[in-house]
PDB file of all heavy atoms in Angstrom:
ATOM      1  N   ALA A   1      -8.081  -0.635   2.006  1.00  0.00           N
ATOM      2  CA  ALA A   1      -8.498  -2.037   2.008  1.00  0.00           C
ATOM      3  C   ALA A   1      -7.922  -2.762   0.796  1.00  0.00           C
ATOM      4  O   ALA A   1      -7.463  -3.912   0.896  1.00  0.00           O
ATOM      5  CB  ALA A   1     -10.023  -2.132   2.006  1.00  0.00           C
ATOM      6  N   PHE A   2      -7.917  -2.081  -0.334  1.00  0.00           N
ATOM      7  CA  PHE A   2      -7.312  -2.655  -1.535  1.00  0.00           C
ATOM      8  C   PHE A   2      -5.803  -2.815  -1.348  1.00  0.00           C
ATOM      9  O   PHE A   2      -5.220  -3.810  -1.790  1.00  0.00           O
ATOM     10  CB  PHE A   2      -7.598  -1.757  -2.733  1.00  0.00           C
ATOM     11  CG  PHE A   2      -6.977  -2.231  -4.026  1.00  0.00           C
ATOM     12  CD1 PHE A   2      -7.480  -3.344  -4.696  1.00  0.00           C
ATOM     13  CD2 PHE A   2      -5.877  -1.568  -4.563  1.00  0.00           C
ATOM     14  CE1 PHE A   2      -6.904  -3.787  -5.877  1.00  0.00           C
ATOM     15  CE2 PHE A   2      -5.298  -2.005  -5.744  1.00  0.00           C
ATOM     16  CZ  PHE A   2      -5.809  -3.114  -6.402  1.00  0.00           C
ATOM     17  N   HIS A   3      -5.180  -1.855  -0.663  1.00  0.00           N
ATOM     18  CA  HIS A   3      -3.743  -1.936  -0.389  1.00  0.00           C
ATOM     19  C   HIS A   3      -3.444  -3.142   0.512  1.00  0.00           C
ATOM     20  O   HIS A   3      -2.465  -3.864   0.286  1.00  0.00           O
ATOM     21  CB  HIS A   3      -3.278  -0.647   0.279  1.00  0.00           C
ATOM     22  CG  HIS A   3      -1.807  -0.594   0.538  1.00  0.00           C
ATOM     23  ND1 HIS A   3      -0.854  -0.710  -0.455  1.00  0.00           N
ATOM     24  CD2 HIS A   3      -1.108  -0.454   1.696  1.00  0.00           C
ATOM     25  CE1 HIS A   3       0.355  -0.637   0.071  1.00  0.00           C
ATOM     26  NE2 HIS A   3       0.227  -0.486   1.380  1.00  0.00           N
ATOM     27  N   ILE A   4      -4.284  -3.353   1.522  1.00  0.00           N
ATOM     28  CA  ILE A   4      -4.106  -4.509   2.410  1.00  0.00           C
ATOM     29  C   ILE A   4      -4.284  -5.813   1.638  1.00  0.00           C
ATOM     30  O   ILE A   4      -3.549  -6.789   1.841  1.00  0.00           O
ATOM     31  CB  ILE A   4      -5.103  -4.429   3.589  1.00  0.00           C
ATOM     32  CG1 ILE A   4      -4.720  -3.276   4.521  1.00  0.00           C
ATOM     33  CG2 ILE A   4      -5.133  -5.746   4.361  1.00  0.00           C
ATOM     34  CD1 ILE A   4      -5.702  -3.043   5.646  1.00  0.00           C
ATOM     35  N   TRP A   5      -5.269  -5.841   0.731  1.00  0.00           N
ATOM     36  CA  TRP A   5      -5.478  -7.033  -0.093  1.00  0.00           C
ATOM     37  C   TRP A   5      -4.250  -7.325  -0.945  1.00  0.00           C
ATOM     38  O   TRP A   5      -3.850  -8.482  -1.109  1.00  0.00           O
ATOM     39  CB  TRP A   5      -6.690  -6.834  -0.992  1.00  0.00           C
ATOM     40  CG  TRP A   5      -6.868  -7.955  -1.980  1.00  0.00           C
ATOM     41  CD1 TRP A   5      -7.434  -9.177  -1.766  1.00  0.00           C
ATOM     42  CD2 TRP A   5      -6.423  -7.959  -3.350  1.00  0.00           C
ATOM     43  NE1 TRP A   5      -7.384  -9.943  -2.908  1.00  0.00           N
ATOM     44  CE2 TRP A   5      -6.773  -9.218  -3.900  1.00  0.00           C
ATOM     45  CE3 TRP A   5      -5.789  -7.022  -4.166  1.00  0.00           C
ATOM     46  CZ2 TRP A   5      -6.500  -9.548  -5.219  1.00  0.00           C
ATOM     47  CZ3 TRP A   5      -5.517  -7.352  -5.485  1.00  0.00           C
ATOM     48  CH2 TRP A   5      -5.870  -8.599  -5.997  1.00  0.00           C
ATOM     49  N   GLN A   6      -3.617  -6.285  -1.474  1.00  0.00           N
ATOM     50  CA  GLN A   6      -2.400  -6.479  -2.263  1.00  0.00           C
ATOM     51  C   GLN A   6      -1.283  -7.067  -1.410  1.00  0.00           C
ATOM     52  O   GLN A   6      -0.520  -7.917  -1.875  1.00  0.00           O
ATOM     53  CB  GLN A   6      -1.949  -5.142  -2.869  1.00  0.00           C
ATOM     54  CG  GLN A   6      -2.803  -4.659  -4.029  1.00  0.00           C
ATOM     55  CD  GLN A   6      -2.252  -3.384  -4.626  1.00  0.00           C
ATOM     56  OE1 GLN A   6      -1.950  -2.425  -3.914  1.00  0.00           O
ATOM     57  NE2 GLN A   6      -2.129  -3.342  -5.940  1.00  0.00           N
ATOM     58  N   ILE A   7      -1.184  -6.605  -0.168  1.00  0.00           N
ATOM     59  CA  ILE A   7      -0.154  -7.145   0.736  1.00  0.00           C
ATOM     60  C   ILE A   7      -0.432  -8.610   1.044  1.00  0.00           C
ATOM     61  O   ILE A   7       0.462  -9.465   0.999  1.00  0.00           O
ATOM     62  CB  ILE A   7      -0.100  -6.319   2.037  1.00  0.00           C
ATOM     63  CG1 ILE A   7       0.324  -4.875   1.743  1.00  0.00           C
ATOM     64  CG2 ILE A   7       0.878  -6.958   3.027  1.00  0.00           C
ATOM     65  CD1 ILE A   7       0.269  -3.965   2.956  1.00  0.00           C
ATOM     66  N   GLU A   8      -1.704  -8.921   1.333  1.00  0.00           N
ATOM     67  CA  GLU A   8      -2.086 -10.302   1.643  1.00  0.00           C
ATOM     68  C   GLU A   8      -1.842 -11.226   0.452  1.00  0.00           C
ATOM     69  O   GLU A   8      -1.459 -12.388   0.614  1.00  0.00           O
ATOM     70  CB  GLU A   8      -3.562 -10.357   2.048  1.00  0.00           C
ATOM     71  CG  GLU A   8      -3.872  -9.729   3.387  1.00  0.00           C
ATOM     72  CD  GLU A   8      -3.399 -10.582   4.549  1.00  0.00           C
ATOM     73  OE1 GLU A   8      -3.031 -11.745   4.324  1.00  0.00           O
ATOM     74  OE2 GLU A   8      -3.373 -10.067   5.689  1.00  0.00           O
ATOM     75  N   ALA A   9      -2.073 -10.709  -0.752  1.00  0.00           N
ATOM     76  CA  ALA A   9      -1.897 -11.515  -1.962  1.00  0.00           C
ATOM     77  C   ALA A   9      -0.447 -11.569  -2.406  1.00  0.00           C
ATOM     78  O   ALA A   9      -0.111 -12.253  -3.375  1.00  0.00           O
ATOM     79  CB  ALA A   9      -2.767 -10.963  -3.091  1.00  0.00           C
ATOM     80  N   GLY A  10       0.420 -10.844  -1.707  1.00  0.00           N
ATOM     81  CA  GLY A  10       1.829 -10.836  -2.066  1.00  0.00           C
ATOM     82  C   GLY A  10       2.144 -10.028  -3.306  1.00  0.00           C
ATOM     83  O   GLY A  10       3.211 -10.183  -3.902  1.00  0.00           O
ATOM     84  N   LEU A  11       1.225  -9.139  -3.689  1.00  0.00           N
ATOM     85  CA  LEU A  11       1.444  -8.341  -4.893  1.00  0.00           C
ATOM     86  C   LEU A  11       2.291  -7.108  -4.620  1.00  0.00           C
ATOM     87  O   LEU A  11       2.839  -6.510  -5.540  1.00  0.00           O
ATOM     88  CB  LEU A  11       0.092  -7.907  -5.490  1.00  0.00           C
ATOM     89  CG  LEU A  11      -0.846  -9.057  -5.896  1.00  0.00           C
ATOM     90  CD1 LEU A  11      -2.172  -8.509  -6.392  1.00  0.00           C
ATOM     91  CD2 LEU A  11      -0.179  -9.917  -6.966  1.00  0.00           C
ATOM     92  N   THR A  12       2.372  -6.703  -3.368  1.00  0.00           N
ATOM     93  CA  THR A  12       3.193  -5.553  -3.010  1.00  0.00           C
ATOM     94  C   THR A  12       3.760  -5.781  -1.621  1.00  0.00           C
ATOM     95  O   THR A  12       3.167  -6.483  -0.797  1.00  0.00           O
ATOM     96  CB  THR A  12       2.372  -4.246  -3.039  1.00  0.00           C
ATOM     97  OG1 THR A  12       3.225  -3.146  -2.699  1.00  0.00           O
ATOM     98  CG2 THR A  12       1.233  -4.300  -2.030  1.00  0.00           C
ATOM     99  N   HIS A  13       4.906  -5.162  -1.382  1.00  0.00           N
ATOM    100  CA  HIS A  13       5.549  -5.315  -0.075  1.00  0.00           C
ATOM    101  C   HIS A  13       4.949  -4.350   0.930  1.00  0.00           C
ATOM    102  O   HIS A  13       4.647  -4.711   2.060  1.00  0.00           O
ATOM    103  CB  HIS A  13       7.059  -5.086  -0.199  1.00  0.00           C
ATOM    104  CG  HIS A  13       7.799  -5.370   1.070  1.00  0.00           C
ATOM    105  ND1 HIS A  13       8.394  -4.376   1.812  1.00  0.00           N
ATOM    106  CD2 HIS A  13       8.021  -6.527   1.749  1.00  0.00           C
ATOM    107  CE1 HIS A  13       8.967  -4.910   2.886  1.00  0.00           C
ATOM    108  NE2 HIS A  13       8.759  -6.209   2.871  1.00  0.00           N
ATOM    109  N   GLY A  14       4.752  -3.093   0.484  1.00  0.00           N
ATOM    110  CA  GLY A  14       4.080  -2.099   1.314  1.00  0.00           C
ATOM    111  C   GLY A  14       4.762  -1.826   2.633  1.00  0.00           C
ATOM    112  O   GLY A  14       4.108  -1.580   3.633  1.00  0.00           O
ATOM    113  N   SER A  15       6.088  -1.864   2.657  1.00  0.00           N
ATOM    114  CA  SER A  15       6.802  -1.798   3.924  1.00  0.00           C
ATOM    115  C   SER A  15       6.716  -0.446   4.603  1.00  0.00           C
ATOM    116  O   SER A  15       6.553  -0.366   5.806  1.00  0.00           O
ATOM    117  CB  SER A  15       8.274  -2.141   3.701  1.00  0.00           C
ATOM    118  OG  SER A  15       8.847  -1.261   2.754  1.00  0.00           O
ATOM    119  N   ALA A  16       6.814   0.615   3.850  1.00  0.00           N
ATOM    120  CA  ALA A  16       6.851   1.928   4.484  1.00  0.00           C
ATOM    121  C   ALA A  16       6.250   2.967   3.556  1.00  0.00           C
ATOM    122  O   ALA A  16       6.360   2.880   2.352  1.00  0.00           O
ATOM    123  CB  ALA A  16       8.293   2.317   4.833  1.00  0.00           C
ATOM    124  N   ALA A  17       5.617   3.946   4.157  1.00  0.00           N
ATOM    125  CA  ALA A  17       5.026   5.019   3.361  1.00  0.00           C
ATOM    126  C   ALA A  17       6.106   5.988   2.921  1.00  0.00           C
ATOM    127  O   ALA A  17       6.956   6.388   3.713  1.00  0.00           O
ATOM    128  CB  ALA A  17       3.970   5.753   4.180  1.00  0.00           C
ATOM    129  N   ILE A  18       6.104   6.348   1.662  1.00  0.00           N
ATOM    130  CA  ILE A  18       7.076   7.317   1.151  1.00  0.00           C
ATOM    131  C   ILE A  18       6.671   8.718   1.557  1.00  0.00           C
ATOM    132  O   ILE A  18       7.482   9.562   1.867  1.00  0.00           O
ATOM    133  CB  ILE A  18       7.181   7.216  -0.378  1.00  0.00           C
ATOM    134  CG1 ILE A  18       7.682   5.824  -0.771  1.00  0.00           C
ATOM    135  CG2 ILE A  18       8.118   8.276  -0.934  1.00  0.00           C
ATOM    136  CD1 ILE A  18       7.710   5.591  -2.262  1.00  0.00           C
ATOM    137  N   SER A  19       5.370   8.980   1.571  1.00  0.00           N
ATOM    138  CA  SER A  19       4.879  10.305   1.915  1.00  0.00           C
ATOM    139  C   SER A  19       3.485  10.187   2.490  1.00  0.00           C
ATOM    140  O   SER A  19       2.766   9.212   2.265  1.00  0.00           O
ATOM    141  CB  SER A  19       4.860  11.206   0.681  1.00  0.00           C
ATOM    142  OG  SER A  19       4.178  12.421   0.949  1.00  0.00           O
ATOM    143  N   LEU A  20       3.085  11.201   3.241  1.00  0.00           N
ATOM    144  CA  LEU A  20       1.738  11.215   3.785  1.00  0.00           C
ATOM    145  C   LEU A  20       0.697  11.528   2.724  1.00  0.00           C
ATOM    146  O   LEU A  20      -0.488  11.302   2.935  1.00  0.00           O
ATOM    147  CB  LEU A  20       1.651  12.248   4.920  1.00  0.00           C
ATOM    148  CG  LEU A  20       2.232  11.787   6.257  1.00  0.00           C
ATOM    149  CD1 LEU A  20       2.199  12.925   7.260  1.00  0.00           C
ATOM    150  CD2 LEU A  20       1.483  10.604   6.801  1.00  0.00           C
ATOM    151  N   LEU A  21       1.131  12.063   1.605  1.00  0.00           N
ATOM    152  CA  LEU A  21       0.204  12.326   0.508  1.00  0.00           C
ATOM    153  C   LEU A  21       0.212  11.134  -0.440  1.00  0.00           C
ATOM    154  O   LEU A  21       1.036  11.042  -1.338  1.00  0.00           O
ATOM    155  CB  LEU A  21       0.581  13.615  -0.229  1.00  0.00           C
ATOM    156  CG  LEU A  21       0.121  14.913   0.428  1.00  0.00           C
ATOM    157  CD1 LEU A  21       0.458  16.111  -0.470  1.00  0.00           C
ATOM    158  CD2 LEU A  21      -1.363  14.902   0.716  1.00  0.00           C
ATOM    159  N   SER A  22      -0.706  10.209  -0.220  1.00  0.00           N
ATOM    160  CA  SER A  22      -0.840   9.063  -1.115  1.00  0.00           C
ATOM    161  C   SER A  22      -1.363   9.551  -2.458  1.00  0.00           C
ATOM    162  O   SER A  22      -1.856  10.675  -2.566  1.00  0.00           O
ATOM    163  CB  SER A  22      -1.820   8.053  -0.511  1.00  0.00           C
ATOM    164  OG  SER A  22      -3.107   8.635  -0.375  1.00  0.00           O
ATOM    165  N   PRO A  23      -1.260   8.733  -3.507  1.00  0.00           N
ATOM    166  CA  PRO A  23      -1.814   9.151  -4.813  1.00  0.00           C
ATOM    167  C   PRO A  23      -3.278   9.553  -4.723  1.00  0.00           C
ATOM    168  O   PRO A  23      -3.697  10.519  -5.362  1.00  0.00           O
ATOM    169  CB  PRO A  23      -1.627   7.894  -5.671  1.00  0.00           C
ATOM    170  CG  PRO A  23      -0.440   7.204  -5.067  1.00  0.00           C
ATOM    171  CD  PRO A  23      -0.541   7.455  -3.597  1.00  0.00           C
ATOM    172  N   LEU A  24      -4.053   8.843  -3.907  1.00  0.00           N
ATOM    173  CA  LEU A  24      -5.461   9.195  -3.743  1.00  0.00           C
ATOM    174  C   LEU A  24      -5.602  10.544  -3.050  1.00  0.00           C
ATOM    175  O   LEU A  24      -6.417  11.383  -3.457  1.00  0.00           O
ATOM    176  CB  LEU A  24      -6.184   8.116  -2.939  1.00  0.00           C
ATOM    177  CG  LEU A  24      -7.654   8.401  -2.625  1.00  0.00           C
ATOM    178  CD1 LEU A  24      -8.461   8.523  -3.905  1.00  0.00           C
ATOM    179  CD2 LEU A  24      -8.228   7.327  -1.714  1.00  0.00           C
ATOM    180  N   GLY A  25      -4.826  10.761  -1.992  1.00  0.00           N
ATOM    181  CA  GLY A  25      -4.879  12.035  -1.282  1.00  0.00           C
ATOM    182  C   GLY A  25      -4.467  13.190  -2.166  1.00  0.00           C
ATOM    183  O   GLY A  25      -5.081  14.276  -2.145  1.00  0.00           O
TER     184      GLY A  25
END
């Protein structure tokens, strides 16, 4: 949800996942 908020706010592009293991995972 925070990642989506960053995309909506234009703070990140978020175009594609680099890996299935996110920093949180």
